[in-house]
Amino acid sequence: MKKINMTDKYQTRDGLTARVLCVNLNRPLYPVVAAITNEDGIEVIWYFTDEGRFINTNVDRVEDLIPKPKRIKGWINVYPYCYIYGLYPTKKEADENADPQRIACIEIDVEEGEGL
């Protein structure tokens, strides 16, 4: 598992927003400090292992930190037989790169890992 750092964005496994405050607190088992925004919108401070575990075990828990999924935005060209090619930042760019067989141009805005 990758170590938690100050530059990446994180959330808990159950989707709560996490803001990493410190990654090298002088606590051997739980050196990572993060502010977690609970369901009521209140930030609470939790401590984690350097790999983002809430409890120092190999068992996944809903409280563990995981990387926040990245947003994928853009336009894709669709061709017959479900062939999709390219992710373009603008529709104009998608149009300019389209083959004559294109049957659709679709705008997408999804989190990484979501199905279309």
Protein backbone atom coordinates (compact mmCIF):
# COMPACT_ATOMS: atom_id res chain seq x y z
CA MET A 1 0.00 0.00 0.00
CA LYS A 2 1.27 3.49 -0.87
CA LYS A 3 2.16 5.85 1.96
CA ILE A 4 -0.08 8.83 2.67
CA ASN A 5 1.39 12.17 1.58
CA MET A 6 0.49 15.83 1.84
CA THR A 7 -0.07 16.44 -1.88
CA ASP A 8 -2.67 13.79 -2.85
CA LYS A 9 -6.38 14.07 -2.02
CA TYR A 10 -7.99 11.45 0.24
CA GLN A 11 -11.31 10.24 1.56
CA THR A 12 -12.36 7.46 3.89
CA ARG A 13 -13.50 4.15 2.38
CA ASP A 14 -17.10 5.15 3.10
CA GLY A 15 -16.68 8.48 1.25
CA LEU A 16 -16.08 11.06 3.99
CA THR A 17 -13.79 13.93 2.98
CA ALA A 18 -10.31 13.80 4.53
CA ARG A 19 -7.83 16.67 4.79
CA VAL A 20 -4.34 15.42 5.68
CA LEU A 21 -2.76 17.73 8.23
CA CYS A 22 0.47 15.91 9.08
CA VAL A 23 2.28 12.79 7.85
CA ASN A 24 5.17 12.59 10.29
CA LEU A 25 3.74 13.11 13.75
CA ASN A 26 6.08 11.63 16.35
CA ARG A 27 3.80 8.65 17.00
CA PRO A 28 5.31 5.40 15.67
CA LEU A 29 2.04 3.55 14.96
CA TYR A 30 -0.16 6.48 13.91
CA PRO A 31 1.99 9.27 12.37
CA VAL A 32 -0.71 10.59 9.99
CA VAL A 33 -3.19 13.20 11.23
CA ALA A 34 -6.26 14.06 9.15
CA ALA A 35 -9.34 16.19 9.60
CA ILE A 36 -12.36 14.10 8.61
CA THR A 37 -15.61 15.86 7.74
CA ASN A 38 -18.42 13.77 9.22
CA GLU A 39 -22.01 13.46 7.97
CA ASP A 40 -22.99 16.59 9.95
CA GLY A 41 -20.30 18.69 8.23
CA ILE A 42 -18.16 18.83 11.37
CA GLU A 43 -14.41 18.20 11.11
CA VAL A 44 -13.00 15.70 13.57
CA ILE A 45 -9.34 14.75 13.98
CA TRP A 46 -8.37 11.13 13.38
CA TYR A 47 -4.98 9.41 13.46
CA PHE A 48 -3.78 6.84 10.90
CA THR A 49 -0.85 4.59 10.06
CA ASP A 50 1.50 5.89 7.36
CA GLU A 51 -0.47 3.74 4.89
CA GLY A 52 -3.83 5.24 5.91
CA ARG A 53 -5.11 2.48 8.18
CA PHE A 54 -7.39 3.65 11.00
CA ILE A 55 -6.51 0.53 13.00
CA ASN A 56 -3.05 -1.02 12.58
CA THR A 57 -4.22 -4.31 11.02
CA ASN A 58 -4.47 -5.72 7.51
CA VAL A 59 -8.27 -5.63 7.66
CA ASP A 60 -9.96 -2.98 5.52
CA ARG A 61 -12.19 -0.64 7.55
CA VAL A 62 -14.61 2.08 6.43
CA GLU A 63 -12.52 4.60 8.38
CA ASP A 64 -9.30 3.92 6.38
CA LEU A 65 -7.93 6.62 4.07
CA ILE A 66 -7.98 5.90 0.35
CA PRO A 67 -7.07 8.14 -2.61
CA LYS A 68 -9.95 10.33 -3.71
CA PRO A 69 -11.10 9.24 -7.18
CA LYS A 70 -10.09 11.61 -9.96
CA ARG A 71 -12.71 13.30 -12.14
CA ILE A 72 -12.66 12.42 -15.79
CA LYS A 73 -14.17 15.13 -17.95
CA GLY A 74 -14.21 15.51 -21.69
CA TRP A 75 -15.74 14.37 -24.95
CA ILE A 76 -15.53 10.92 -26.52
CA ASN A 77 -16.20 9.86 -30.08
CA VAL A 78 -18.36 6.76 -30.51
CA TYR A 79 -18.23 4.51 -33.55
CA PRO A 80 -20.31 1.52 -34.73
CA TYR A 81 -20.02 -1.70 -32.73
CA CYS A 82 -19.41 0.22 -29.46
CA TYR A 83 -15.97 1.36 -30.48
CA ILE A 84 -14.98 4.46 -28.51
CA TYR A 85 -11.87 6.41 -29.31
CA GLY A 86 -10.24 9.32 -27.56
CA LEU A 87 -11.00 11.61 -24.67
CA TYR A 88 -10.88 15.22 -25.77
CA PRO A 89 -11.08 18.30 -23.53
CA THR A 90 -13.53 20.08 -25.85
CA LYS A 91 -16.25 19.05 -28.30
CA LYS A 92 -14.48 21.06 -30.99
CA GLU A 93 -11.34 18.96 -30.54
CA ALA A 94 -13.41 15.75 -30.61
CA ASP A 95 -15.10 16.91 -33.81
CA GLU A 96 -11.77 17.79 -35.42
CA ASN A 97 -10.39 14.31 -34.65
CA ALA A 98 -13.49 12.33 -35.61
CA ASP A 99 -13.54 9.76 -38.40
CA PRO A 100 -16.44 9.88 -40.89
CA GLN A 101 -17.90 6.70 -39.30
CA ARG A 102 -18.58 8.44 -35.97
CA ILE A 103 -22.15 7.92 -34.78
CA ALA A 104 -22.05 10.07 -31.64
CA CYS A 105 -19.98 12.48 -29.60
CA ILE A 106 -20.70 12.24 -25.88
CA GLU A 107 -19.72 14.54 -23.03
CA ILE A 108 -18.62 12.69 -19.89
CA ASP A 109 -18.05 13.86 -16.33
CA VAL A 110 -17.46 10.89 -14.04
CA GLU A 111 -15.27 9.79 -11.17
CA GLU A 112 -12.53 7.36 -12.04
CA GLY A 113 -13.86 3.83 -11.65
CA GLU A 114 -17.50 4.69 -12.42
CA GLY A 115 -19.20 2.91 -15.28
CA LEU A 116 -20.66 4.86 -18.15
